Each structure stands twice: as C-alpha cells, then as structure tokens.
Amino acid sequence: MGCLFSSEPDDAPSAAQLVTFDPARHGPEVVVGNFNVTGKGSALANCALHQDAAFFEVKVVQPGVFAVGVARKLKPEDLAGPIGDGNASYALRSDAEGLTIAENDVIGVAYGQCGYPMLRFFHNGVELEAHGVDKTKGLLYPAVYVENCQLDATFSSGFSHAPPSGFSGVIMARDTL
C-alpha cells in the first residue's frame, strides 16, 4: 500500500529535489561533492534550467583556471575538456580579458529565457556587462570547468550576493503526473 500523506511540509525540499552537482555527469578527472568541484574537467548540475529566470553562484575556494556557465547535457567524453564553446555550452572563463579572480571571490550566473542578454555574469555582485551572452540554445544545465582549483556552488538559496531583480535560485522541475 502506498502512503497518501506525508509529514514533510510541501515547501521542504527532499534529497531528491536538492539541486547539486550530478555525480554521474562530470569528467573522468573531476571530483564532485554535492556542491563542490575540484580536479580537471567539467561538471554539470543534476537539473536543467526550466524556469524563466534562474540564478546560481560559484565561490572560488582555491584559485586556478576555471569556467562557469551553462551547458547542454554533454557526452561523457566532452566533459573531460572545458565548457564555453558558444554552441553546446556558454561560460565565463577565469582568464577572460580584464578579469582578476582571487580566493573567496564569487561568480554569479543569471540565466533568463526572456530578454537579452540571456546569460549574465557577476563578479562579487557586480555585473560583467562585456561578458554577457545574447543568445543561447537548447536545454541547458548549470556547468563548471576546473583545472587545478576548487569551486563551491550555491544553486538555490543562501547566496553571497542578491540575484538580479526577477531572478531566483535554480528550482528542480517536478513531474506533476
């Protein structure tokens, strides 16, 4: 017999609803925890960005070369390399022109399906207007690339810097059927 009622409040996320890095979607040299990534290669979150305006942050725990952005559900062999090709993935690289990243810096990512730019990046709460991406395509996932560094992600709440107006943390889509 199934259970018709739950003692959990409707708004309390279960472990199955928690947005984390996907333990099955990362490069072979990448080590992922629920919210942290280290090693060399790319990693995807466990849910796609279905909402109109999603926001997440990545804190630089140990500086190195990295990229933060969004990607399609990449093939395992593609996760060994960096994201940000402008076709299957879109990202801000730590070595981008005019960008200086230090330990404990925070990169924010705002993805909107309406309006331009569709993908906006923030460094310690300040928008990096020159690095926005006007058009993206396909079903996209939060994504990172690391090379000899460590990143910690905040996907849903408890952000270091407030999301832009109209944006909220990544929400795990639910099947209502």
C-alpha atoms as a PDB file:
ATOM      1  CA  MET A   1       0.000   0.000   0.000  1.00  0.00           C
ATOM      2  CA  GLY A   2       1.191   3.486  -0.767  1.00  0.00           C
ATOM      3  CA  CYS A   3       1.202   6.448   1.558  1.00  0.00           C
ATOM      4  CA  LEU A   4      -1.290   9.185   0.726  1.00  0.00           C
ATOM      5  CA  PHE A   5       0.041  11.792   3.134  1.00  0.00           C
ATOM      6  CA  SER A   6       3.488  12.954   4.136  1.00  0.00           C
ATOM      7  CA  SER A   7       4.658  14.521   7.375  1.00  0.00           C
ATOM      8  CA  GLU A   8       7.037  16.743   5.348  1.00  0.00           C
ATOM      9  CA  PRO A   9       5.840  20.306   4.661  1.00  0.00           C
ATOM     10  CA  ASP A  10       5.125  20.922   0.958  1.00  0.00           C
ATOM     11  CA  ASP A  11       7.906  23.504   0.663  1.00  0.00           C
ATOM     12  CA  ALA A  12      10.651  21.430   2.340  1.00  0.00           C
ATOM     13  CA  PRO A  13      12.979  20.030  -0.352  1.00  0.00           C
ATOM     14  CA  SER A  14      13.689  16.334  -0.135  1.00  0.00           C
ATOM     15  CA  ALA A  15      17.094  14.930  -1.047  1.00  0.00           C
ATOM     16  CA  ALA A  16      15.626  14.003  -4.441  1.00  0.00           C
ATOM     17  CA  GLN A  17      14.690  17.674  -5.034  1.00  0.00           C
ATOM     18  CA  LEU A  18      18.018  19.194  -3.970  1.00  0.00           C
ATOM     19  CA  VAL A  19      19.967  20.862  -6.790  1.00  0.00           C
ATOM     20  CA  THR A  20      23.575  19.638  -6.650  1.00  0.00           C
ATOM     21  CA  PHE A  21      26.372  18.646  -8.973  1.00  0.00           C
ATOM     22  CA  ASP A  22      25.386  15.445 -10.762  1.00  0.00           C
ATOM     23  CA  PRO A  23      27.554  12.535  -9.539  1.00  0.00           C
ATOM     24  CA  ALA A  24      27.184  10.896 -12.974  1.00  0.00           C
ATOM     25  CA  ARG A  25      27.832  13.954 -15.204  1.00  0.00           C
ATOM     26  CA  HIS A  26      31.460  15.032 -14.853  1.00  0.00           C
ATOM     27  CA  GLY A  27      34.822  14.468 -16.490  1.00  0.00           C
ATOM     28  CA  PRO A  28      36.938  11.445 -15.514  1.00  0.00           C
ATOM     29  CA  GLU A  29      39.495  13.589 -13.625  1.00  0.00           C
ATOM     30  CA  VAL A  30      36.869  15.649 -11.788  1.00  0.00           C
ATOM     31  CA  VAL A  31      35.913  15.032  -8.166  1.00  0.00           C
ATOM     32  CA  VAL A  32      32.428  16.284  -7.281  1.00  0.00           C
ATOM     33  CA  GLY A  33      30.668  16.631  -3.963  1.00  0.00           C
ATOM     34  CA  ASN A  34      27.111  17.883  -3.724  1.00  0.00           C
ATOM     35  CA  PHE A  35      28.236  21.485  -4.018  1.00  0.00           C
ATOM     36  CA  ASN A  36      31.973  21.422  -4.734  1.00  0.00           C
ATOM     37  CA  VAL A  37      34.186  20.521  -7.659  1.00  0.00           C
ATOM     38  CA  THR A  38      37.931  20.000  -7.981  1.00  0.00           C
ATOM     39  CA  GLY A  39      40.335  18.227 -10.356  1.00  0.00           C
ATOM     40  CA  LYS A  40      40.437  18.801 -14.117  1.00  0.00           C
ATOM     41  CA  GLY A  41      37.395  18.761 -16.394  1.00  0.00           C
ATOM     42  CA  SER A  42      33.750  19.814 -16.464  1.00  0.00           C
ATOM     43  CA  ALA A  43      30.743  19.021 -14.288  1.00  0.00           C
ATOM     44  CA  LEU A  44      27.003  19.599 -14.691  1.00  0.00           C
ATOM     45  CA  ALA A  45      24.268  20.150 -12.119  1.00  0.00           C
ATOM     46  CA  ASN A  46      21.628  17.455 -11.678  1.00  0.00           C
ATOM     47  CA  CYS A  47      18.790  19.504 -13.204  1.00  0.00           C
ATOM     48  CA  ALA A  48      18.187  21.636 -16.253  1.00  0.00           C
ATOM     49  CA  LEU A  49      17.194  25.297 -16.174  1.00  0.00           C
ATOM     50  CA  HIS A  50      13.459  25.117 -16.905  1.00  0.00           C
ATOM     51  CA  GLN A  51      12.445  28.334 -15.148  1.00  0.00           C
ATOM     52  CA  ASP A  52      12.299  31.728 -16.864  1.00  0.00           C
ATOM     53  CA  ALA A  53      14.956  33.433 -14.701  1.00  0.00           C
ATOM     54  CA  ALA A  54      17.458  31.289 -12.753  1.00  0.00           C
ATOM     55  CA  PHE A  55      20.479  32.329 -10.702  1.00  0.00           C
ATOM     56  CA  PHE A  56      23.369  30.443  -9.089  1.00  0.00           C
ATOM     57  CA  GLU A  57      26.774  31.319  -7.642  1.00  0.00           C
ATOM     58  CA  VAL A  58      30.209  29.732  -7.542  1.00  0.00           C
ATOM     59  CA  LYS A  59      32.773  30.638  -4.882  1.00  0.00           C
ATOM     60  CA  VAL A  60      36.477  30.276  -5.665  1.00  0.00           C
ATOM     61  CA  VAL A  61      37.887  28.224  -2.778  1.00  0.00           C
ATOM     62  CA  GLN A  62      41.255  27.534  -4.419  1.00  0.00           C
ATOM     63  CA  PRO A  63      42.126  29.727  -7.433  1.00  0.00           C
ATOM     64  CA  GLY A  64      43.198  28.228 -10.741  1.00  0.00           C
ATOM     65  CA  VAL A  65      41.808  28.035 -14.250  1.00  0.00           C
ATOM     66  CA  PHE A  66      38.041  27.600 -14.378  1.00  0.00           C
ATOM     67  CA  ALA A  67      34.891  28.437 -16.310  1.00  0.00           C
ATOM     68  CA  VAL A  68      31.348  28.947 -15.026  1.00  0.00           C
ATOM     69  CA  GLY A  69      28.190  28.934 -17.108  1.00  0.00           C
ATOM     70  CA  VAL A  70      25.631  26.660 -18.696  1.00  0.00           C
ATOM     71  CA  ALA A  71      25.834  23.651 -20.998  1.00  0.00           C
ATOM     72  CA  ARG A  72      23.668  21.128 -22.766  1.00  0.00           C
ATOM     73  CA  LYS A  73      23.742  17.574 -21.411  1.00  0.00           C
ATOM     74  CA  LEU A  74      27.248  16.919 -22.743  1.00  0.00           C
ATOM     75  CA  LYS A  75      28.547  13.488 -23.691  1.00  0.00           C
ATOM     76  CA  PRO A  76      30.965  11.926 -21.169  1.00  0.00           C
ATOM     77  CA  GLU A  77      33.950  12.462 -23.479  1.00  0.00           C
ATOM     78  CA  ASP A  78      33.093  16.175 -23.804  1.00  0.00           C
ATOM     79  CA  LEU A  79      33.144  16.598 -20.014  1.00  0.00           C
ATOM     80  CA  ALA A  80      36.902  15.947 -19.953  1.00  0.00           C
ATOM     81  CA  GLY A  81      37.506  19.377 -21.509  1.00  0.00           C
ATOM     82  CA  PRO A  82      36.401  22.955 -20.841  1.00  0.00           C
ATOM     83  CA  ILE A  83      32.957  24.457 -21.341  1.00  0.00           C
ATOM     84  CA  GLY A  84      32.240  27.659 -23.239  1.00  0.00           C
ATOM     85  CA  ASP A  85      32.395  26.762 -26.930  1.00  0.00           C
ATOM     86  CA  GLY A  86      29.421  29.038 -27.739  1.00  0.00           C
ATOM     87  CA  ASN A  87      27.437  26.180 -29.246  1.00  0.00           C
ATOM     88  CA  ALA A  88      26.849  23.374 -26.726  1.00  0.00           C
ATOM     89  CA  SER A  89      27.985  25.479 -23.752  1.00  0.00           C
ATOM     90  CA  TYR A  90      28.336  29.109 -22.739  1.00  0.00           C
ATOM     91  CA  ALA A  91      30.692  30.264 -19.993  1.00  0.00           C
ATOM     92  CA  LEU A  92      32.821  32.926 -18.371  1.00  0.00           C
ATOM     93  CA  ARG A  93      36.460  31.839 -18.105  1.00  0.00           C
ATOM     94  CA  SER A  94      38.613  32.868 -15.154  1.00  0.00           C
ATOM     95  CA  ASP A  95      41.288  34.079 -17.571  1.00  0.00           C
ATOM     96  CA  ALA A  96      38.894  36.340 -19.522  1.00  0.00           C
ATOM     97  CA  GLU A  97      40.288  39.713 -20.538  1.00  0.00           C
ATOM     98  CA  GLY A  98      40.031  42.314 -17.790  1.00  0.00           C
ATOM     99  CA  LEU A  99      39.081  39.788 -15.095  1.00  0.00           C
ATOM    100  CA  THR A 100      41.176  39.184 -11.967  1.00  0.00           C
ATOM    101  CA  ILE A 101      39.941  36.373  -9.715  1.00  0.00           C
ATOM    102  CA  ALA A 102      41.163  35.742  -6.176  1.00  0.00           C
ATOM    103  CA  GLU A 103      40.431  33.250  -3.407  1.00  0.00           C
ATOM    104  CA  ASN A 104      36.891  33.664  -1.966  1.00  0.00           C
ATOM    105  CA  ASP A 105      35.652  35.658  -4.979  1.00  0.00           C
ATOM    106  CA  VAL A 106      32.126  34.808  -6.106  1.00  0.00           C
ATOM    107  CA  ILE A 107      30.922  34.455  -9.688  1.00  0.00           C
ATOM    108  CA  GLY A 108      27.165  34.777 -10.153  1.00  0.00           C
ATOM    109  CA  VAL A 109      25.335  33.415 -13.184  1.00  0.00           C
ATOM    110  CA  ALA A 110      21.911  34.718 -14.225  1.00  0.00           C
ATOM    111  CA  TYR A 111      20.145  32.794 -16.995  1.00  0.00           C
ATOM    112  CA  GLY A 112      16.975  34.277 -18.432  1.00  0.00           C
ATOM    113  CA  GLN A 113      14.869  32.805 -21.217  1.00  0.00           C
ATOM    114  CA  CYS A 114      13.294  36.187 -21.999  1.00  0.00           C
ATOM    115  CA  GLY A 115      15.269  39.279 -22.888  1.00  0.00           C
ATOM    116  CA  TYR A 116      18.895  39.956 -23.720  1.00  0.00           C
ATOM    117  CA  PRO A 117      21.491  39.156 -22.693  1.00  0.00           C
ATOM    118  CA  MET A 118      20.151  35.690 -21.906  1.00  0.00           C
ATOM    119  CA  LEU A 119      23.222  34.824 -19.838  1.00  0.00           C
ATOM    120  CA  ARG A 120      24.727  37.379 -17.455  1.00  0.00           C
ATOM    121  CA  PHE A 121      27.778  37.057 -15.218  1.00  0.00           C
ATOM    122  CA  PHE A 122      28.614  38.842 -11.958  1.00  0.00           C
ATOM    123  CA  HIS A 123      31.933  39.163 -10.088  1.00  0.00           C
ATOM    124  CA  ASN A 124      31.414  39.740  -6.362  1.00  0.00           C
ATOM    125  CA  GLY A 125      27.938  41.100  -7.083  1.00  0.00           C
ATOM    126  CA  VAL A 126      28.947  43.464  -9.909  1.00  0.00           C
ATOM    127  CA  GLU A 127      27.668  42.649 -13.398  1.00  0.00           C
ATOM    128  CA  LEU A 128      30.339  41.950 -16.036  1.00  0.00           C
ATOM    129  CA  GLU A 129      28.397  43.540 -18.903  1.00  0.00           C
ATOM    130  CA  ALA A 130      31.095  42.879 -21.507  1.00  0.00           C
ATOM    131  CA  HIS A 131      30.813  39.112 -20.913  1.00  0.00           C
ATOM    132  CA  GLY A 132      27.044  38.605 -21.318  1.00  0.00           C
ATOM    133  CA  VAL A 133      25.766  36.128 -23.906  1.00  0.00           C
ATOM    134  CA  ASP A 134      22.865  37.343 -26.057  1.00  0.00           C
ATOM    135  CA  LYS A 135      21.609  34.060 -27.467  1.00  0.00           C
ATOM    136  CA  THR A 136      21.756  30.514 -26.161  1.00  0.00           C
ATOM    137  CA  LYS A 137      20.032  27.417 -27.458  1.00  0.00           C
ATOM    138  CA  GLY A 138      18.858  24.096 -26.181  1.00  0.00           C
ATOM    139  CA  LEU A 139      18.011  22.751 -22.757  1.00  0.00           C
ATOM    140  CA  LEU A 140      20.837  23.968 -20.506  1.00  0.00           C
ATOM    141  CA  TYR A 141      22.294  22.899 -17.138  1.00  0.00           C
ATOM    142  CA  PRO A 142      24.431  24.865 -14.694  1.00  0.00           C
ATOM    143  CA  ALA A 143      28.016  23.878 -15.516  1.00  0.00           C
ATOM    144  CA  VAL A 144      31.612  24.470 -14.424  1.00  0.00           C
ATOM    145  CA  TYR A 145      35.087  23.621 -15.657  1.00  0.00           C
ATOM    146  CA  VAL A 146      38.019  23.296 -13.240  1.00  0.00           C
ATOM    147  CA  GLU A 147      41.737  22.890 -13.734  1.00  0.00           C
ATOM    148  CA  ASN A 148      43.776  22.600 -10.554  1.00  0.00           C
ATOM    149  CA  CYS A 149      41.338  24.643  -8.487  1.00  0.00           C
ATOM    150  CA  GLN A 150      38.310  24.163  -6.227  1.00  0.00           C
ATOM    151  CA  LEU A 151      34.877  25.740  -6.621  1.00  0.00           C
ATOM    152  CA  ASP A 152      31.872  25.645  -4.271  1.00  0.00           C
ATOM    153  CA  ALA A 153      28.411  26.230  -5.752  1.00  0.00           C
ATOM    154  CA  THR A 154      25.231  27.664  -4.303  1.00  0.00           C
ATOM    155  CA  PHE A 155      22.323  26.704  -6.534  1.00  0.00           C
ATOM    156  CA  SER A 156      19.096  27.528  -4.729  1.00  0.00           C
ATOM    157  CA  SER A 157      19.393  29.793  -1.673  1.00  0.00           C
ATOM    158  CA  GLY A 158      21.850  31.382   0.745  1.00  0.00           C
ATOM    159  CA  PHE A 159      23.615  33.437  -1.927  1.00  0.00           C
ATOM    160  CA  SER A 160      26.574  35.681  -1.094  1.00  0.00           C
ATOM    161  CA  HIS A 161      25.106  38.401  -3.343  1.00  0.00           C
ATOM    162  CA  ALA A 162      21.455  39.025  -4.121  1.00  0.00           C
ATOM    163  CA  PRO A 163      20.241  37.745  -7.502  1.00  0.00           C
ATOM    164  CA  PRO A 164      19.245  40.385 -10.064  1.00  0.00           C
ATOM    165  CA  SER A 165      15.652  41.585  -9.870  1.00  0.00           C
ATOM    166  CA  GLY A 166      13.236  38.904 -11.101  1.00  0.00           C
ATOM    167  CA  PHE A 167      15.742  36.047 -10.737  1.00  0.00           C
ATOM    168  CA  SER A 168      15.718  33.273  -8.132  1.00  0.00           C
ATOM    169  CA  GLY A 169      17.752  30.199  -7.299  1.00  0.00           C
ATOM    170  CA  VAL A 170      17.611  27.129  -9.524  1.00  0.00           C
ATOM    171  CA  ILE A 171      14.426  25.136  -8.990  1.00  0.00           C
ATOM    172  CA  MET A 172      14.278  21.396  -9.582  1.00  0.00           C
ATOM    173  CA  ALA A 173      11.476  20.705 -12.055  1.00  0.00           C
ATOM    174  CA  ARG A 174       8.814  18.281 -10.845  1.00  0.00           C
ATOM    175  CA  ASP A 175       6.673  15.925 -12.845  1.00  0.00           C
ATOM    176  CA  THR A 176       3.112  16.609 -11.729  1.00  0.00           C
ATOM    177  CA  LEU A 177       1.641  13.498 -13.300  1.00  0.00           C
END
